[in-house]
PDB file of N, CA and C in Angstrom:
ATOM      1  N   UNK A   1      17.869  12.384  -6.525  1.00  0.00           N
ATOM      2  CA  UNK A   1      18.571  11.264  -5.917  1.00  0.00           C
ATOM      3  C   UNK A   1      19.431  10.538  -6.961  1.00  0.00           C
ATOM      4  N   UNK A   2      18.949  10.481  -8.181  1.00  0.00           N
ATOM      5  CA  UNK A   2      19.709   9.787  -9.229  1.00  0.00           C
ATOM      6  C   UNK A   2      21.040  10.475  -9.515  1.00  0.00           C
ATOM      7  N   UNK A   3      21.107  11.764  -9.258  1.00  0.00           N
ATOM      8  CA  UNK A   3      22.365  12.485  -9.467  1.00  0.00           C
ATOM      9  C   UNK A   3      23.166  12.602  -8.176  1.00  0.00           C
ATOM     10  N   UNK A   4      22.486  12.632  -7.043  1.00  0.00           N
ATOM     11  CA  UNK A   4      23.157  12.831  -5.753  1.00  0.00           C
ATOM     12  C   UNK A   4      23.801  11.566  -5.202  1.00  0.00           C
ATOM     13  N   UNK A   5      23.234  10.420  -5.498  1.00  0.00           N
ATOM     14  CA  UNK A   5      23.735   9.151  -4.957  1.00  0.00           C
ATOM     15  C   UNK A   5      24.497   8.430  -6.067  1.00  0.00           C
ATOM     16  N   UNK A   6      25.818   8.310  -5.937  1.00  0.00           N
ATOM     17  CA  UNK A   6      26.618   7.694  -7.002  1.00  0.00           C
ATOM     18  C   UNK A   6      26.124   6.313  -7.442  1.00  0.00           C
ATOM     19  N   UNK A   7      25.636   5.533  -6.510  1.00  0.00           N
ATOM     20  CA  UNK A   7      25.165   4.183  -6.856  1.00  0.00           C
ATOM     21  C   UNK A   7      23.909   4.211  -7.725  1.00  0.00           C
ATOM     22  N   UNK A   8      23.261   5.386  -7.802  1.00  0.00           N
ATOM     23  CA  UNK A   8      22.041   5.482  -8.609  1.00  0.00           C
ATOM     24  C   UNK A   8      22.236   6.333  -9.865  1.00  0.00           C
ATOM     25  N   UNK A   9      23.462   6.783 -10.107  1.00  0.00           N
ATOM     26  CA  UNK A   9      23.723   7.617 -11.286  1.00  0.00           C
ATOM     27  C   UNK A   9      23.323   6.934 -12.582  1.00  0.00           C
ATOM     28  N   UNK A  10      23.458   5.633 -12.641  1.00  0.00           N
ATOM     29  CA  UNK A  10      23.154   4.895 -13.868  1.00  0.00           C
ATOM     30  C   UNK A  10      21.674   5.005 -14.242  1.00  0.00           C
ATOM     31  N   UNK A  11      20.811   5.337 -13.259  1.00  0.00           N
ATOM     32  CA  UNK A  11      19.376   5.449 -13.534  1.00  0.00           C
ATOM     33  C   UNK A  11      19.019   6.761 -14.238  1.00  0.00           C
ATOM     34  N   UNK A  12      19.928   7.737 -14.190  1.00  0.00           N
ATOM     35  CA  UNK A  12      19.634   9.048 -14.756  1.00  0.00           C
ATOM     36  C   UNK A  12      19.652   9.020 -16.274  1.00  0.00           C
ATOM     37  N   UNK A  13      18.711   9.755 -16.837  1.00  0.00           N
ATOM     38  CA  UNK A  13      18.632   9.913 -18.290  1.00  0.00           C
ATOM     39  C   UNK A  13      18.223  11.360 -18.555  1.00  0.00           C
ATOM     40  N   UNK A  14      18.659  11.920 -19.667  1.00  0.00           N
ATOM     41  CA  UNK A  14      18.316  13.304 -20.002  1.00  0.00           C
ATOM     42  C   UNK A  14      16.800  13.525 -20.028  1.00  0.00           C
ATOM     43  N   UNK A  15      16.057  12.485 -20.385  1.00  0.00           N
ATOM     44  CA  UNK A  15      14.599  12.625 -20.441  1.00  0.00           C
ATOM     45  C   UNK A  15      14.007  12.889 -19.054  1.00  0.00           C
ATOM     46  N   UNK A  16      14.748  12.562 -17.995  1.00  0.00           N
ATOM     47  CA  UNK A  16      14.291  12.866 -16.636  1.00  0.00           C
ATOM     48  C   UNK A  16      14.079  14.369 -16.456  1.00  0.00           C
ATOM     49  N   UNK A  17      14.947  15.169 -17.070  1.00  0.00           N
ATOM     50  CA  UNK A  17      14.840  16.620 -16.938  1.00  0.00           C
ATOM     51  C   UNK A  17      13.599  17.144 -17.645  1.00  0.00           C
ATOM     52  N   UNK A  18      13.301  16.591 -18.800  1.00  0.00           N
ATOM     53  CA  UNK A  18      12.094  16.990 -19.534  1.00  0.00           C
ATOM     54  C   UNK A  18      10.859  16.584 -18.741  1.00  0.00           C
ATOM     55  N   UNK A  19      10.853  15.360 -18.254  1.00  0.00           N
ATOM     56  CA  UNK A  19       9.711  14.865 -17.483  1.00  0.00           C
ATOM     57  C   UNK A  19       9.503  15.710 -16.228  1.00  0.00           C
ATOM     58  N   UNK A  20      10.591  16.078 -15.585  1.00  0.00           N
ATOM     59  CA  UNK A  20      10.496  16.884 -14.358  1.00  0.00           C
ATOM     60  C   UNK A  20       9.866  18.238 -14.645  1.00  0.00           C
ATOM     61  N   UNK A  21      10.184  18.818 -15.782  1.00  0.00           N
ATOM     62  CA  UNK A  21       9.628  20.132 -16.124  1.00  0.00           C
ATOM     63  C   UNK A  21       8.128  20.053 -16.407  1.00  0.00           C
ATOM     64  N   UNK A  22       7.634  18.865 -16.705  1.00  0.00           N
ATOM     65  CA  UNK A  22       6.208  18.685 -17.007  1.00  0.00           C
ATOM     66  C   UNK A  22       5.466  17.975 -15.873  1.00  0.00           C
ATOM     67  N   UNK A  23       6.111  17.873 -14.712  1.00  0.00           N
ATOM     68  CA  UNK A  23       5.547  17.109 -13.596  1.00  0.00           C
ATOM     69  C   UNK A  23       4.132  17.559 -13.228  1.00  0.00           C
ATOM     70  N   UNK A  24       3.911  18.873 -13.115  1.00  0.00           N
ATOM     71  CA  UNK A  24       2.583  19.368 -12.739  1.00  0.00           C
ATOM     72  C   UNK A  24       1.528  18.960 -13.758  1.00  0.00           C
ATOM     73  N   UNK A  25       1.887  18.984 -15.034  1.00  0.00           N
ATOM     74  CA  UNK A  25       0.949  18.556 -16.080  1.00  0.00           C
ATOM     75  C   UNK A  25       0.631  17.073 -15.951  1.00  0.00           C
ATOM     76  N   UNK A  26       1.639  16.268 -15.647  1.00  0.00           N
ATOM     77  CA  UNK A  26       1.424  14.827 -15.464  1.00  0.00           C
ATOM     78  C   UNK A  26       0.473  14.570 -14.297  1.00  0.00           C
ATOM     79  N   UNK A  27       0.718  15.257 -13.190  1.00  0.00           N
ATOM     80  CA  UNK A  27      -0.117  15.064 -12.000  1.00  0.00           C
ATOM     81  C   UNK A  27      -1.564  15.434 -12.306  1.00  0.00           C
ATOM     82  N   UNK A  28      -1.776  16.552 -12.977  1.00  0.00           N
ATOM     83  CA  UNK A  28      -3.140  16.966 -13.349  1.00  0.00           C
ATOM     84  C   UNK A  28      -3.813  15.919 -14.229  1.00  0.00           C
ATOM     85  N   UNK A  29      -3.090  15.420 -15.198  1.00  0.00           N
ATOM     86  CA  UNK A  29      -3.652  14.417 -16.112  1.00  0.00           C
ATOM     87  C   UNK A  29      -4.023  13.145 -15.362  1.00  0.00           C
ATOM     88  N   UNK A  30      -3.146  12.689 -14.480  1.00  0.00           N
ATOM     89  CA  UNK A  30      -3.442  11.485 -13.698  1.00  0.00           C
ATOM     90  C   UNK A  30      -4.660  11.704 -12.811  1.00  0.00           C
ATOM     91  N   UNK A  31      -4.718  12.850 -12.140  1.00  0.00           N
ATOM     92  CA  UNK A  31      -5.857  13.133 -11.268  1.00  0.00           C
ATOM     93  C   UNK A  31      -7.160  13.113 -12.055  1.00  0.00           C
ATOM     94  N   UNK A  32      -7.142  13.692 -13.237  1.00  0.00           N
ATOM     95  CA  UNK A  32      -8.341  13.710 -14.076  1.00  0.00           C
ATOM     96  C   UNK A  32      -8.761  12.291 -14.465  1.00  0.00           C
ATOM     97  N   UNK A  33      -7.803  11.472 -14.827  1.00  0.00           N
ATOM     98  CA  UNK A  33      -8.106  10.078 -15.183  1.00  0.00           C
ATOM     99  C   UNK A  33      -8.725   9.350 -13.999  1.00  0.00           C
ATOM    100  N   UNK A  34      -8.135   9.515 -12.819  1.00  0.00           N
ATOM    101  CA  UNK A  34      -8.658   8.821 -11.641  1.00  0.00           C
ATOM    102  C   UNK A  34     -10.073   9.282 -11.308  1.00  0.00           C
ATOM    103  N   UNK A  35     -10.311  10.583 -11.351  1.00  0.00           N
ATOM    104  CA  UNK A  35     -11.638  11.117 -11.031  1.00  0.00           C
ATOM    105  C   UNK A  35     -12.676  10.638 -12.039  1.00  0.00           C
ATOM    106  N   UNK A  36     -12.327  10.646 -13.304  1.00  0.00           N
ATOM    107  CA  UNK A  36     -13.289  10.298 -14.351  1.00  0.00           C
ATOM    108  C   UNK A  36     -13.527   8.799 -14.500  1.00  0.00           C
ATOM    109  N   UNK A  37     -12.601   7.981 -14.059  1.00  0.00           N
ATOM    110  CA  UNK A  37     -12.744   6.541 -14.317  1.00  0.00           C
ATOM    111  C   UNK A  37     -12.998   5.689 -13.078  1.00  0.00           C
ATOM    112  N   UNK A  38     -12.904   6.266 -11.886  1.00  0.00           N
ATOM    113  CA  UNK A  38     -13.169   5.454 -10.700  1.00  0.00           C
ATOM    114  C   UNK A  38     -14.668   5.217 -10.565  1.00  0.00           C
ATOM    115  N   UNK A  39     -15.029   4.040 -10.171  1.00  0.00           N
ATOM    116  CA  UNK A  39     -16.433   3.647 -10.004  1.00  0.00           C
ATOM    117  C   UNK A  39     -16.570   2.974  -8.643  1.00  0.00           C
ATOM    118  N   UNK A  40     -17.771   2.994  -8.045  1.00  0.00           N
ATOM    119  CA  UNK A  40     -17.946   2.345  -6.736  1.00  0.00           C
ATOM    120  C   UNK A  40     -17.522   0.874  -6.744  1.00  0.00           C
ATOM    121  N   UNK A  41     -17.763   0.194  -7.841  1.00  0.00           N
ATOM    122  CA  UNK A  41     -17.410  -1.231  -7.907  1.00  0.00           C
ATOM    123  C   UNK A  41     -16.014  -1.462  -8.489  1.00  0.00           C
ATOM    124  N   UNK A  42     -15.338  -0.399  -8.895  1.00  0.00           N
ATOM    125  CA  UNK A  42     -13.988  -0.534  -9.453  1.00  0.00           C
ATOM    126  C   UNK A  42     -13.193   0.745  -9.166  1.00  0.00           C
ATOM    127  N   UNK A  43     -12.878   0.969  -7.878  1.00  0.00           N
ATOM    128  CA  UNK A  43     -12.156   2.197  -7.532  1.00  0.00           C
ATOM    129  C   UNK A  43     -10.664   2.102  -7.821  1.00  0.00           C
ATOM    130  N   UNK A  44     -10.056   3.263  -7.935  1.00  0.00           N
ATOM    131  CA  UNK A  44      -8.603   3.347  -8.016  1.00  0.00           C
ATOM    132  C   UNK A  44      -8.063   3.426  -6.594  1.00  0.00           C
ATOM    133  N   UNK A  45      -6.912   2.874  -6.370  1.00  0.00           N
ATOM    134  CA  UNK A  45      -6.201   3.012  -5.103  1.00  0.00           C
ATOM    135  C   UNK A  45      -4.840   3.604  -5.423  1.00  0.00           C
ATOM    136  N   UNK A  46      -4.562   4.761  -4.859  1.00  0.00           N
ATOM    137  CA  UNK A  46      -3.285   5.428  -5.090  1.00  0.00           C
ATOM    138  C   UNK A  46      -2.339   4.996  -3.969  1.00  0.00           C
ATOM    139  N   UNK A  47      -1.290   4.283  -4.335  1.00  0.00           N
ATOM    140  CA  UNK A  47      -0.361   3.731  -3.350  1.00  0.00           C
ATOM    141  C   UNK A  47       1.026   4.312  -3.597  1.00  0.00           C
ATOM    142  N   UNK A  48       1.586   5.010  -2.594  1.00  0.00           N
ATOM    143  CA  UNK A  48       2.949   5.507  -2.773  1.00  0.00           C
ATOM    144  C   UNK A  48       3.922   4.337  -2.900  1.00  0.00           C
ATOM    145  N   UNK A  49       4.877   4.466  -3.780  1.00  0.00           N
ATOM    146  CA  UNK A  49       5.803   3.357  -4.035  1.00  0.00           C
ATOM    147  C   UNK A  49       7.242   3.704  -3.658  1.00  0.00           C
ATOM    148  N   UNK A  50       7.420   4.730  -2.845  1.00  0.00           N
ATOM    149  CA  UNK A  50       8.779   5.122  -2.458  1.00  0.00           C
ATOM    150  C   UNK A  50       9.482   4.033  -1.662  1.00  0.00           C
ATOM    151  N   UNK A  51       8.730   3.323  -0.851  1.00  0.00           N
ATOM    152  CA  UNK A  51       9.284   2.227  -0.050  1.00  0.00           C
ATOM    153  C   UNK A  51       8.537   0.956  -0.432  1.00  0.00           C
ATOM    154  N   UNK A  52       9.269   0.005  -0.978  1.00  0.00           N
ATOM    155  CA  UNK A  52       8.629  -1.210  -1.499  1.00  0.00           C
ATOM    156  C   UNK A  52       7.852  -1.965  -0.434  1.00  0.00           C
ATOM    157  N   UNK A  53       8.394  -2.063   0.786  1.00  0.00           N
ATOM    158  CA  UNK A  53       7.703  -2.817   1.835  1.00  0.00           C
ATOM    159  C   UNK A  53       6.368  -2.161   2.175  1.00  0.00           C
ATOM    160  N   UNK A  54       6.330  -0.830   2.200  1.00  0.00           N
ATOM    161  CA  UNK A  54       5.084  -0.121   2.513  1.00  0.00           C
ATOM    162  C   UNK A  54       4.087  -0.275   1.367  1.00  0.00           C
ATOM    163  N   UNK A  55       4.579  -0.181   0.141  1.00  0.00           N
ATOM    164  CA  UNK A  55       3.721  -0.380  -1.031  1.00  0.00           C
ATOM    165  C   UNK A  55       3.092  -1.765  -1.000  1.00  0.00           C
ATOM    166  N   UNK A  56       3.914  -2.773  -0.750  1.00  0.00           N
ATOM    167  CA  UNK A  56       3.417  -4.152  -0.729  1.00  0.00           C
ATOM    168  C   UNK A  56       2.406  -4.368   0.388  1.00  0.00           C
ATOM    169  N   UNK A  57       2.673  -3.784   1.564  1.00  0.00           N
ATOM    170  CA  UNK A  57       1.758  -3.917   2.695  1.00  0.00           C
ATOM    171  C   UNK A  57       0.412  -3.275   2.377  1.00  0.00           C
ATOM    172  N   UNK A  58       0.439  -2.068   1.840  1.00  0.00           N
ATOM    173  CA  UNK A  58      -0.813  -1.385   1.497  1.00  0.00           C
ATOM    174  C   UNK A  58      -1.596  -2.153   0.437  1.00  0.00           C
ATOM    175  N   UNK A  59      -0.916  -2.633  -0.576  1.00  0.00           N
ATOM    176  CA  UNK A  59      -1.595  -3.401  -1.626  1.00  0.00           C
ATOM    177  C   UNK A  59      -2.219  -4.665  -1.046  1.00  0.00           C
ATOM    178  N   UNK A  60      -1.489  -5.354  -0.185  1.00  0.00           N
ATOM    179  CA  UNK A  60      -2.020  -6.579   0.433  1.00  0.00           C
ATOM    180  C   UNK A  60      -3.240  -6.269   1.285  1.00  0.00           C
ATOM    181  N   UNK A  61      -3.201  -5.183   2.044  1.00  0.00           N
ATOM    182  CA  UNK A  61      -4.354  -4.810   2.879  1.00  0.00           C
ATOM    183  C   UNK A  61      -5.579  -4.492   2.024  1.00  0.00           C
ATOM    184  N   UNK A  62      -5.369  -3.812   0.926  1.00  0.00           N
ATOM    185  CA  UNK A  62      -6.486  -3.488   0.034  1.00  0.00           C
ATOM    186  C   UNK A  62      -7.082  -4.766  -0.546  1.00  0.00           C
ATOM    187  N   UNK A  63      -6.228  -5.674  -0.978  1.00  0.00           N
ATOM    188  CA  UNK A  63      -6.704  -6.939  -1.553  1.00  0.00           C
ATOM    189  C   UNK A  63      -7.482  -7.737  -0.519  1.00  0.00           C
ATOM    190  N   UNK A  64      -6.955  -7.837   0.693  1.00  0.00           N
ATOM    191  CA  UNK A  64      -7.645  -8.579   1.756  1.00  0.00           C
ATOM    192  C   UNK A  64      -9.005  -7.945   2.040  1.00  0.00           C
ATOM    193  N   UNK A  65      -9.050  -6.629   2.160  1.00  0.00           N
ATOM    194  CA  UNK A  65     -10.315  -5.942   2.440  1.00  0.00           C
ATOM    195  C   UNK A  65     -11.331  -6.181   1.324  1.00  0.00           C
ATOM    196  N   UNK A  66     -10.883  -6.128   0.083  1.00  0.00           N
ATOM    197  CA  UNK A  66     -11.789  -6.369  -1.050  1.00  0.00           C
ATOM    198  C   UNK A  66     -12.323  -7.797  -1.036  1.00  0.00           C
ATOM    199  N   UNK A  67     -11.457  -8.751  -0.765  1.00  0.00           N
ATOM    200  CA  UNK A  67     -11.895 -10.149  -0.707  1.00  0.00           C
ATOM    201  C   UNK A  67     -12.866 -10.369   0.448  1.00  0.00           C
ATOM    202  N   UNK A  68     -12.597  -9.755   1.601  1.00  0.00           N
ATOM    203  CA  UNK A  68     -13.510  -9.889   2.736  1.00  0.00           C
ATOM    204  C   UNK A  68     -14.869  -9.272   2.419  1.00  0.00           C
ATOM    205  N   UNK A  69     -14.877  -8.125   1.742  1.00  0.00           N
ATOM    206  CA  UNK A  69     -16.135  -7.471   1.365  1.00  0.00           C
ATOM    207  C   UNK A  69     -16.972  -8.333   0.426  1.00  0.00           C
ATOM    208  N   UNK A  70     -16.316  -9.189  -0.332  1.00  0.00           N
ATOM    209  CA  UNK A  70     -17.036 -10.055  -1.274  1.00  0.00           C
ATOM    210  C   UNK A  70     -17.768 -11.192  -0.559  1.00  0.00           C
ATOM    211  N   UNK A  71     -17.442 -11.434   0.707  1.00  0.00           N
ATOM    212  CA  UNK A  71     -18.067 -12.489   1.508  1.00  0.00           C
ATOM    213  C   UNK A  71     -18.117 -13.810   0.732  1.00  0.00           C
ATOM    214  N   UNK A  72     -16.973 -14.217   0.265  1.00  0.00           N
ATOM    215  CA  UNK A  72     -16.870 -15.446  -0.514  1.00  0.00           C
ATOM    216  C   UNK A  72     -17.059 -16.671   0.371  1.00  0.00           C
ATOM    217  N   UNK A  73     -17.567 -17.735  -0.221  1.00  0.00           N
ATOM    218  CA  UNK A  73     -17.686 -19.007   0.495  1.00  0.00           C
ATOM    219  C   UNK A  73     -17.507 -20.134  -0.516  1.00  0.00           C
ATOM    220  N   UNK A  74     -17.158 -21.297   0.014  1.00  0.00           N
ATOM    221  CA  UNK A  74     -17.005 -22.454  -0.857  1.00  0.00           C
ATOM    222  C   UNK A  74     -18.375 -22.877  -1.369  1.00  0.00           C
ATOM    223  N   UNK A  75     -18.460 -23.364  -2.584  1.00  0.00           N
ATOM    224  CA  UNK A  75     -19.758 -23.822  -3.098  1.00  0.00           C
ATOM    225  C   UNK A  75     -20.196 -25.098  -2.377  1.00  0.00           C
ATOM    226  N   UNK A  76     -21.499 -25.270  -2.277  1.00  0.00           N
ATOM    227  CA  UNK A  76     -22.040 -26.484  -1.659  1.00  0.00           C
ATOM    228  C   UNK A  76     -21.762 -27.673  -2.572  1.00  0.00           C
ATOM    229  N   UNK A  77     -21.559 -28.830  -1.964  1.00  0.00           N
ATOM    230  CA  UNK A  77     -21.341 -30.053  -2.745  1.00  0.00           C
ATOM    231  C   UNK A  77     -22.586 -30.928  -2.639  1.00  0.00           C
ATOM    232  N   UNK A  78     -22.779 -31.765  -3.629  1.00  0.00           N
ATOM    233  CA  UNK A  78     -23.971 -32.621  -3.634  1.00  0.00           C
ATOM    234  C   UNK A  78     -23.635 -34.049  -3.223  1.00  0.00           C
ATOM    235  N   UNK A  79     -22.625 -34.197  -2.364  1.00  0.00           N
ATOM    236  CA  UNK A  79     -22.241 -35.508  -1.835  1.00  0.00           C
ATOM    237  C   UNK A  79     -21.724 -35.310  -0.416  1.00  0.00           C
ATOM    238  N   UNK A  80     -21.582 -36.405   0.314  1.00  0.00           N
ATOM    239  CA  UNK A  80     -21.068 -36.355   1.682  1.00  0.00           C
ATOM    240  C   UNK A  80     -19.570 -36.663   1.642  1.00  0.00           C
ATOM    241  N   UNK A  81     -18.719 -35.657   1.855  1.00  0.00           N
ATOM    242  CA  UNK A  81     -17.273 -35.881   1.789  1.00  0.00           C
ATOM    243  C   UNK A  81     -16.799 -36.972   2.749  1.00  0.00           C
ATOM    244  N   UNK A  82     -17.486 -37.163   3.868  1.00  0.00           N
ATOM    245  CA  UNK A  82     -17.086 -38.186   4.842  1.00  0.00           C
ATOM    246  C   UNK A  82     -17.274 -39.595   4.297  1.00  0.00           C
ATOM    247  N   UNK A  83     -18.100 -39.752   3.277  1.00  0.00           N
ATOM    248  CA  UNK A  83     -18.373 -41.076   2.719  1.00  0.00           C
ATOM    249  C   UNK A  83     -17.433 -41.427   1.562  1.00  0.00           C
ATOM    250  N   UNK A  84     -16.582 -40.509   1.187  1.00  0.00           N
ATOM    251  CA  UNK A  84     -15.652 -40.754   0.088  1.00  0.00           C
ATOM    252  C   UNK A  84     -14.473 -41.570   0.617  1.00  0.00           C
ATOM    253  N   UNK A  85     -14.183 -42.664  -0.055  1.00  0.00           N
ATOM    254  CA  UNK A  85     -13.065 -43.526   0.328  1.00  0.00           C
ATOM    255  C   UNK A  85     -12.030 -43.481  -0.791  1.00  0.00           C
ATOM    256  N   UNK A  86     -10.810 -43.148  -0.412  1.00  0.00           N
ATOM    257  CA  UNK A  86      -9.717 -43.106  -1.384  1.00  0.00           C
ATOM    258  C   UNK A  86      -8.792 -44.272  -1.089  1.00  0.00           C
ATOM    259  N   UNK A  87      -8.627 -45.144  -2.057  1.00  0.00           N
ATOM    260  CA  UNK A  87      -7.762 -46.324  -1.884  1.00  0.00           C
ATOM    261  C   UNK A  87      -6.318 -45.960  -2.048  1.00  0.00           C
TER     262      UNK A  87
END
């Protein structure tokens, strides 16, 4: 796309060709890292980033689900809020 779309030509760099030739090696390395380092209490989430709106939506859903799973609540207070008078 960086070469096919004139408006994106500026993003192209010669190193893109080198990186592309090693793509399979990169994917294998990433997969190994994810498999070896994910934990039940700290999992990896692989989110496609081709479309920013979809990436943002997926990330937000994951965050909301994680927060809901934590069953957070406000801490109890040792006073009656109704009795507080602010002048």
